[in-house]
Amino acid sequence: MDIPLFIVFLALFLAGAVLMTYVLLIIGIRTEDRRMNITAPPRNLIEAVTRRLLGVRVRHHSDTEPHTHDARR
């Protein structure tokens, strides 16, 4: 009787963890969208985690370096 109860508790714990991650992603996306400035560094941990999980990267180009990338290739 202990193993089925353990499996139920484990499933509930994992479902809660997935739900919490989903809610944190939604909060992070909404705050980034409200700011409308993805090129600035993240202001808090939720924004940083959201960018990391969604794979958002920002490249900064300096004006002194020549552009070697041609988008038409």
PDB file of N, CA and C in Angstrom:
ATOM      1  N   MET A   1       0.804  -1.200   0.000  1.00  0.00           N
ATOM      2  CA  MET A   1       0.000   0.000   0.000  1.00  0.00           C
ATOM      3  C   MET A   1       0.850   1.268   0.000  1.00  0.00           C
ATOM      4  N   ASP A   2       2.073   1.207   0.412  1.00  0.00           N
ATOM      5  CA  ASP A   2       2.901   2.397   0.482  1.00  0.00           C
ATOM      6  C   ASP A   2       3.401   2.849  -0.892  1.00  0.00           C
ATOM      7  N   ILE A   3       3.672   1.908  -1.792  1.00  0.00           N
ATOM      8  CA  ILE A   3       4.216   2.274  -3.102  1.00  0.00           C
ATOM      9  C   ILE A   3       3.200   3.046  -3.940  1.00  0.00           C
ATOM     10  N   PRO A   4       1.941   2.627  -4.042  1.00  0.00           N
ATOM     11  CA  PRO A   4       0.984   3.432  -4.808  1.00  0.00           C
ATOM     12  C   PRO A   4       0.779   4.837  -4.227  1.00  0.00           C
ATOM     13  N   LEU A   5       0.778   4.944  -2.921  1.00  0.00           N
ATOM     14  CA  LEU A   5       0.634   6.246  -2.288  1.00  0.00           C
ATOM     15  C   LEU A   5       1.843   7.125  -2.595  1.00  0.00           C
ATOM     16  N   PHE A   6       3.023   6.558  -2.587  1.00  0.00           N
ATOM     17  CA  PHE A   6       4.243   7.289  -2.932  1.00  0.00           C
ATOM     18  C   PHE A   6       4.180   7.774  -4.382  1.00  0.00           C
ATOM     19  N   ILE A   7       3.693   6.933  -5.277  1.00  0.00           N
ATOM     20  CA  ILE A   7       3.594   7.313  -6.691  1.00  0.00           C
ATOM     21  C   ILE A   7       2.602   8.457  -6.874  1.00  0.00           C
ATOM     22  N   VAL A   8       1.506   8.421  -6.149  1.00  0.00           N
ATOM     23  CA  VAL A   8       0.516   9.504  -6.229  1.00  0.00           C
ATOM     24  C   VAL A   8       1.115  10.811  -5.725  1.00  0.00           C
ATOM     25  N   PHE A   9       1.806  10.767  -4.594  1.00  0.00           N
ATOM     26  CA  PHE A   9       2.440  11.981  -4.067  1.00  0.00           C
ATOM     27  C   PHE A   9       3.529  12.504  -5.001  1.00  0.00           C
ATOM     28  N   LEU A  10       4.292  11.619  -5.597  1.00  0.00           N
ATOM     29  CA  LEU A  10       5.325  12.030  -6.547  1.00  0.00           C
ATOM     30  C   LEU A  10       4.703  12.679  -7.775  1.00  0.00           C
ATOM     31  N   ALA A  11       3.618  12.112  -8.269  1.00  0.00           N
ATOM     32  CA  ALA A  11       2.933  12.691  -9.425  1.00  0.00           C
ATOM     33  C   ALA A  11       2.369  14.074  -9.098  1.00  0.00           C
ATOM     34  N   LEU A  12       1.790  14.233  -7.911  1.00  0.00           N
ATOM     35  CA  LEU A  12       1.269  15.534  -7.501  1.00  0.00           C
ATOM     36  C   LEU A  12       2.384  16.567  -7.353  1.00  0.00           C
ATOM     37  N   PHE A  13       3.507  16.137  -6.800  1.00  0.00           N
ATOM     38  CA  PHE A  13       4.646  17.043  -6.645  1.00  0.00           C
ATOM     39  C   PHE A  13       5.170  17.489  -8.008  1.00  0.00           C
ATOM     40  N   LEU A  14       5.326  16.555  -8.930  1.00  0.00           N
ATOM     41  CA  LEU A  14       5.827  16.902 -10.264  1.00  0.00           C
ATOM     42  C   LEU A  14       4.843  17.784 -11.024  1.00  0.00           C
ATOM     43  N   ALA A  15       3.553  17.505 -10.880  1.00  0.00           N
ATOM     44  CA  ALA A  15       2.545  18.344 -11.525  1.00  0.00           C
ATOM     45  C   ALA A  15       2.588  19.768 -10.959  1.00  0.00           C
ATOM     46  N   GLY A  16       2.779  19.905  -9.672  1.00  0.00           N
ATOM     47  CA  GLY A  16       2.900  21.226  -9.064  1.00  0.00           C
ATOM     48  C   GLY A  16       4.138  21.966  -9.537  1.00  0.00           C
ATOM     49  N   ALA A  17       5.243  21.238  -9.686  1.00  0.00           N
ATOM     50  CA  ALA A  17       6.474  21.867 -10.168  1.00  0.00           C
ATOM     51  C   ALA A  17       6.318  22.351 -11.606  1.00  0.00           C
ATOM     52  N   VAL A  18       5.676  21.556 -12.439  1.00  0.00           N
ATOM     53  CA  VAL A  18       5.454  21.955 -13.831  1.00  0.00           C
ATOM     54  C   VAL A  18       4.517  23.164 -13.879  1.00  0.00           C
ATOM     55  N   LEU A  19       3.471  23.162 -13.078  1.00  0.00           N
ATOM     56  CA  LEU A  19       2.537  24.282 -13.044  1.00  0.00           C
ATOM     57  C   LEU A  19       3.226  25.558 -12.566  1.00  0.00           C
ATOM     58  N   MET A  20       4.082  25.450 -11.551  1.00  0.00           N
ATOM     59  CA  MET A  20       4.801  26.618 -11.052  1.00  0.00           C
ATOM     60  C   MET A  20       5.744  27.172 -12.121  1.00  0.00           C
ATOM     61  N   THR A  21       6.441  26.307 -12.821  1.00  0.00           N
ATOM     62  CA  THR A  21       7.323  26.748 -13.893  1.00  0.00           C
ATOM     63  C   THR A  21       6.535  27.457 -14.986  1.00  0.00           C
ATOM     64  N   TYR A  22       5.390  26.925 -15.345  1.00  0.00           N
ATOM     65  CA  TYR A  22       4.541  27.534 -16.361  1.00  0.00           C
ATOM     66  C   TYR A  22       4.075  28.926 -15.927  1.00  0.00           C
ATOM     67  N   VAL A  23       3.651  29.059 -14.686  1.00  0.00           N
ATOM     68  CA  VAL A  23       3.194  30.356 -14.187  1.00  0.00           C
ATOM     69  C   VAL A  23       4.343  31.359 -14.163  1.00  0.00           C
ATOM     70  N   LEU A  24       5.518  30.941 -13.752  1.00  0.00           N
ATOM     71  CA  LEU A  24       6.676  31.849 -13.742  1.00  0.00           C
ATOM     72  C   LEU A  24       7.042  32.293 -15.153  1.00  0.00           C
ATOM     73  N   LEU A  25       6.938  31.394 -16.127  1.00  0.00           N
ATOM     74  CA  LEU A  25       7.198  31.777 -17.512  1.00  0.00           C
ATOM     75  C   LEU A  25       6.184  32.798 -18.002  1.00  0.00           C
ATOM     76  N   ILE A  26       4.932  32.611 -17.660  1.00  0.00           N
ATOM     77  CA  ILE A  26       3.905  33.568 -18.071  1.00  0.00           C
ATOM     78  C   ILE A  26       4.168  34.940 -17.456  1.00  0.00           C
ATOM     79  N   ILE A  27       4.525  34.963 -16.178  1.00  0.00           N
ATOM     80  CA  ILE A  27       4.828  36.233 -15.516  1.00  0.00           C
ATOM     81  C   ILE A  27       6.024  36.902 -16.178  1.00  0.00           C
ATOM     82  N   GLY A  28       7.067  36.140 -16.462  1.00  0.00           N
ATOM     83  CA  GLY A  28       8.253  36.697 -17.106  1.00  0.00           C
ATOM     84  C   GLY A  28       7.974  37.224 -18.495  1.00  0.00           C
ATOM     85  N   ILE A  29       7.175  36.505 -19.270  1.00  0.00           N
ATOM     86  CA  ILE A  29       6.836  36.952 -20.623  1.00  0.00           C
ATOM     87  C   ILE A  29       6.021  38.242 -20.565  1.00  0.00           C
ATOM     88  N   ARG A  30       5.084  38.315 -19.655  1.00  0.00           N
ATOM     89  CA  ARG A  30       4.242  39.518 -19.552  1.00  0.00           C
ATOM     90  C   ARG A  30       5.054  40.737 -19.108  1.00  0.00           C
ATOM     91  N   THR A  31       6.010  40.562 -18.196  1.00  0.00           N
ATOM     92  CA  THR A  31       6.808  41.714 -17.766  1.00  0.00           C
ATOM     93  C   THR A  31       7.738  42.174 -18.875  1.00  0.00           C
ATOM     94  N   GLU A  32       8.307  41.228 -19.627  1.00  0.00           N
ATOM     95  CA  GLU A  32       9.160  41.612 -20.754  1.00  0.00           C
ATOM     96  C   GLU A  32       8.339  42.312 -21.828  1.00  0.00           C
ATOM     97  N   ASP A  33       7.137  41.823 -22.076  1.00  0.00           N
ATOM     98  CA  ASP A  33       6.280  42.421 -23.092  1.00  0.00           C
ATOM     99  C   ASP A  33       5.838  43.815 -22.670  1.00  0.00           C
ATOM    100  N   ARG A  34       5.589  44.008 -21.394  1.00  0.00           N
ATOM    101  CA  ARG A  34       5.170  45.311 -20.896  1.00  0.00           C
ATOM    102  C   ARG A  34       6.293  46.330 -21.029  1.00  0.00           C
ATOM    103  N   ARG A  35       7.531  45.899 -20.808  1.00  0.00           N
ATOM    104  CA  ARG A  35       8.679  46.813 -20.912  1.00  0.00           C
ATOM    105  C   ARG A  35       8.994  47.157 -22.349  1.00  0.00           C
ATOM    106  N   MET A  36       8.741  46.235 -23.260  1.00  0.00           N
ATOM    107  CA  MET A  36       9.010  46.393 -24.692  1.00  0.00           C
ATOM    108  C   MET A  36      10.472  46.754 -24.965  1.00  0.00           C
ATOM    109  N   ASN A  37      11.372  46.182 -24.203  1.00  0.00           N
ATOM    110  CA  ASN A  37      12.792  46.441 -24.409  1.00  0.00           C
ATOM    111  C   ASN A  37      13.561  45.164 -24.107  1.00  0.00           C
ATOM    112  N   ILE A  38      13.731  44.331 -25.105  1.00  0.00           N
ATOM    113  CA  ILE A  38      14.408  43.050 -24.908  1.00  0.00           C
ATOM    114  C   ILE A  38      15.933  43.204 -24.945  1.00  0.00           C
ATOM    115  N   THR A  39      16.422  44.351 -25.422  1.00  0.00           N
ATOM    116  CA  THR A  39      17.877  44.519 -25.522  1.00  0.00           C
ATOM    117  C   THR A  39      18.521  44.885 -24.194  1.00  0.00           C
ATOM    118  N   ALA A  40      17.736  45.341 -23.231  1.00  0.00           N
ATOM    119  CA  ALA A  40      18.286  45.663 -21.913  1.00  0.00           C
ATOM    120  C   ALA A  40      18.492  44.368 -21.125  1.00  0.00           C
ATOM    121  N   PRO A  41      19.405  44.367 -20.180  1.00  0.00           N
ATOM    122  CA  PRO A  41      19.587  43.170 -19.357  1.00  0.00           C
ATOM    123  C   PRO A  41      18.360  42.918 -18.491  1.00  0.00           C
ATOM    124  N   PRO A  42      18.118  41.675 -18.118  1.00  0.00           N
ATOM    125  CA  PRO A  42      16.946  41.385 -17.278  1.00  0.00           C
ATOM    126  C   PRO A  42      17.062  42.061 -15.922  1.00  0.00           C
ATOM    127  N   ARG A  43      15.922  42.561 -15.430  1.00  0.00           N
ATOM    128  CA  ARG A  43      15.919  43.299 -14.168  1.00  0.00           C
ATOM    129  C   ARG A  43      15.855  42.412 -12.949  1.00  0.00           C
ATOM    130  N   ASN A  44      15.283  41.210 -13.090  1.00  0.00           N
ATOM    131  CA  ASN A  44      15.157  40.347 -11.916  1.00  0.00           C
ATOM    132  C   ASN A  44      15.350  38.889 -12.326  1.00  0.00           C
ATOM    133  N   LEU A  45      15.261  38.022 -11.348  1.00  0.00           N
ATOM    134  CA  LEU A  45      15.530  36.603 -11.566  1.00  0.00           C
ATOM    135  C   LEU A  45      14.488  35.957 -12.475  1.00  0.00           C
ATOM    136  N   ILE A  46      13.237  36.337 -12.343  1.00  0.00           N
ATOM    137  CA  ILE A  46      12.186  35.742 -13.173  1.00  0.00           C
ATOM    138  C   ILE A  46      12.424  36.063 -14.645  1.00  0.00           C
ATOM    139  N   GLU A  47      12.801  37.305 -14.944  1.00  0.00           N
ATOM    140  CA  GLU A  47      13.080  37.666 -16.332  1.00  0.00           C
ATOM    141  C   GLU A  47      14.297  36.920 -16.861  1.00  0.00           C
ATOM    142  N   ALA A  48      15.318  36.765 -16.040  1.00  0.00           N
ATOM    143  CA  ALA A  48      16.517  36.054 -16.472  1.00  0.00           C
ATOM    144  C   ALA A  48      16.215  34.577 -16.750  1.00  0.00           C
ATOM    145  N   VAL A  49      15.446  33.950 -15.872  1.00  0.00           N
ATOM    146  CA  VAL A  49      15.086  32.540 -16.061  1.00  0.00           C
ATOM    147  C   VAL A  49      14.200  32.381 -17.285  1.00  0.00           C
ATOM    148  N   THR A  50      13.269  33.306 -17.481  1.00  0.00           N
ATOM    149  CA  THR A  50      12.388  33.244 -18.652  1.00  0.00           C
ATOM    150  C   THR A  50      13.197  33.330 -19.936  1.00  0.00           C
ATOM    151  N   ARG A  51      14.133  34.273 -19.995  1.00  0.00           N
ATOM    152  CA  ARG A  51      14.968  34.380 -21.192  1.00  0.00           C
ATOM    153  C   ARG A  51      15.786  33.117 -21.409  1.00  0.00           C
ATOM    154  N   ARG A  52      16.295  32.540 -20.349  1.00  0.00           N
ATOM    155  CA  ARG A  52      17.119  31.336 -20.456  1.00  0.00           C
ATOM    156  C   ARG A  52      16.293  30.152 -20.959  1.00  0.00           C
ATOM    157  N   LEU A  53      15.099  29.949 -20.388  1.00  0.00           N
ATOM    158  CA  LEU A  53      14.268  28.814 -20.781  1.00  0.00           C
ATOM    159  C   LEU A  53      13.713  28.954 -22.190  1.00  0.00           C
ATOM    160  N   LEU A  54      13.424  30.188 -22.606  1.00  0.00           N
ATOM    161  CA  LEU A  54      12.896  30.402 -23.950  1.00  0.00           C
ATOM    162  C   LEU A  54      13.991  30.547 -24.997  1.00  0.00           C
ATOM    163  N   GLY A  55      15.233  30.636 -24.560  1.00  0.00           N
ATOM    164  CA  GLY A  55      16.351  30.719 -25.500  1.00  0.00           C
ATOM    165  C   GLY A  55      16.524  32.088 -26.127  1.00  0.00           C
ATOM    166  N   VAL A  56      16.148  33.136 -25.422  1.00  0.00           N
ATOM    167  CA  VAL A  56      16.267  34.494 -25.953  1.00  0.00           C
ATOM    168  C   VAL A  56      17.699  34.967 -25.750  1.00  0.00           C
ATOM    169  N   ARG A  57      18.316  35.377 -26.836  1.00  0.00           N
ATOM    170  CA  ARG A  57      19.676  35.916 -26.783  1.00  0.00           C
ATOM    171  C   ARG A  57      19.694  37.230 -27.537  1.00  0.00           C
ATOM    172  N   VAL A  58      20.476  38.185 -27.063  1.00  0.00           N
ATOM    173  CA  VAL A  58      20.613  39.478 -27.713  1.00  0.00           C
ATOM    174  C   VAL A  58      22.074  39.689 -28.014  1.00  0.00           C
ATOM    175  N   ARG A  59      22.362  39.948 -29.280  1.00  0.00           N
ATOM    176  CA  ARG A  59      23.738  40.256 -29.672  1.00  0.00           C
ATOM    177  C   ARG A  59      23.872  41.755 -29.844  1.00  0.00           C
ATOM    178  N   HIS A  60      24.915  42.306 -29.260  1.00  0.00           N
ATOM    179  CA  HIS A  60      25.182  43.733 -29.394  1.00  0.00           C
ATOM    180  C   HIS A  60      26.348  43.907 -30.359  1.00  0.00           C
ATOM    181  N   HIS A  61      26.128  44.674 -31.404  1.00  0.00           N
ATOM    182  CA  HIS A  61      27.174  44.962 -32.373  1.00  0.00           C
ATOM    183  C   HIS A  61      27.712  46.357 -32.107  1.00  0.00           C
ATOM    184  N   SER A  62      29.015  46.483 -32.138  1.00  0.00           N
ATOM    185  CA  SER A  62      29.582  47.822 -32.012  1.00  0.00           C
ATOM    186  C   SER A  62      29.670  48.431 -33.402  1.00  0.00           C
ATOM    187  N   ASP A  63      29.589  49.741 -33.469  1.00  0.00           N
ATOM    188  CA  ASP A  63      29.606  50.423 -34.761  1.00  0.00           C
ATOM    189  C   ASP A  63      31.000  50.478 -35.366  1.00  0.00           C
ATOM    190  N   THR A  64      32.029  50.200 -34.584  1.00  0.00           N
ATOM    191  CA  THR A  64      33.389  50.282 -35.099  1.00  0.00           C
ATOM    192  C   THR A  64      33.798  49.025 -35.851  1.00  0.00           C
ATOM    193  N   GLU A  65      33.161  47.905 -35.588  1.00  0.00           N
ATOM    194  CA  GLU A  65      33.504  46.669 -36.269  1.00  0.00           C
ATOM    195  C   GLU A  65      32.776  46.567 -37.605  1.00  0.00           C
ATOM    196  N   PRO A  66      33.464  46.091 -38.628  1.00  0.00           N
ATOM    197  CA  PRO A  66      32.765  45.917 -39.909  1.00  0.00           C
ATOM    198  C   PRO A  66      31.776  44.754 -39.821  1.00  0.00           C
ATOM    199  N   HIS A  67      30.678  44.885 -40.508  1.00  0.00           N
ATOM    200  CA  HIS A  67      29.674  43.818 -40.538  1.00  0.00           C
ATOM    201  C   HIS A  67      30.082  42.785 -41.569  1.00  0.00           C
ATOM    202  N   THR A  68      30.383  41.591 -41.100  1.00  0.00           N
ATOM    203  CA  THR A  68      30.823  40.530 -42.011  1.00  0.00           C
ATOM    204  C   THR A  68      29.688  39.588 -42.354  1.00  0.00           C
ATOM    205  N   HIS A  69      28.554  39.747 -41.732  1.00  0.00           N
ATOM    206  CA  HIS A  69      27.440  38.836 -41.958  1.00  0.00           C
ATOM    207  C   HIS A  69      26.519  39.415 -43.034  1.00  0.00           C
ATOM    208  N   ASP A  70      26.270  38.635 -44.053  1.00  0.00           N
ATOM    209  CA  ASP A  70      25.351  39.051 -45.101  1.00  0.00           C
ATOM    210  C   ASP A  70      24.083  38.217 -44.964  1.00  0.00           C
ATOM    211  N   ALA A  71      22.958  38.846 -44.726  1.00  0.00           N
ATOM    212  CA  ALA A  71      21.714  38.129 -44.480  1.00  0.00           C
ATOM    213  C   ALA A  71      21.159  37.456 -45.724  1.00  0.00           C
ATOM    214  N   ARG A  72      21.635  37.827 -46.900  1.00  0.00           N
ATOM    215  CA  ARG A  72      21.106  37.248 -48.136  1.00  0.00           C
ATOM    216  C   ARG A  72      21.722  35.909 -48.471  1.00  0.00           C
ATOM    217  N   ARG A  73      22.735  35.489 -47.757  1.00  0.00           N
ATOM    218  CA  ARG A  73      23.381  34.213 -48.068  1.00  0.00           C
ATOM    219  C   ARG A  73      22.563  33.053 -47.661  1.00  0.00           C
TER     220      ARG A  73
END
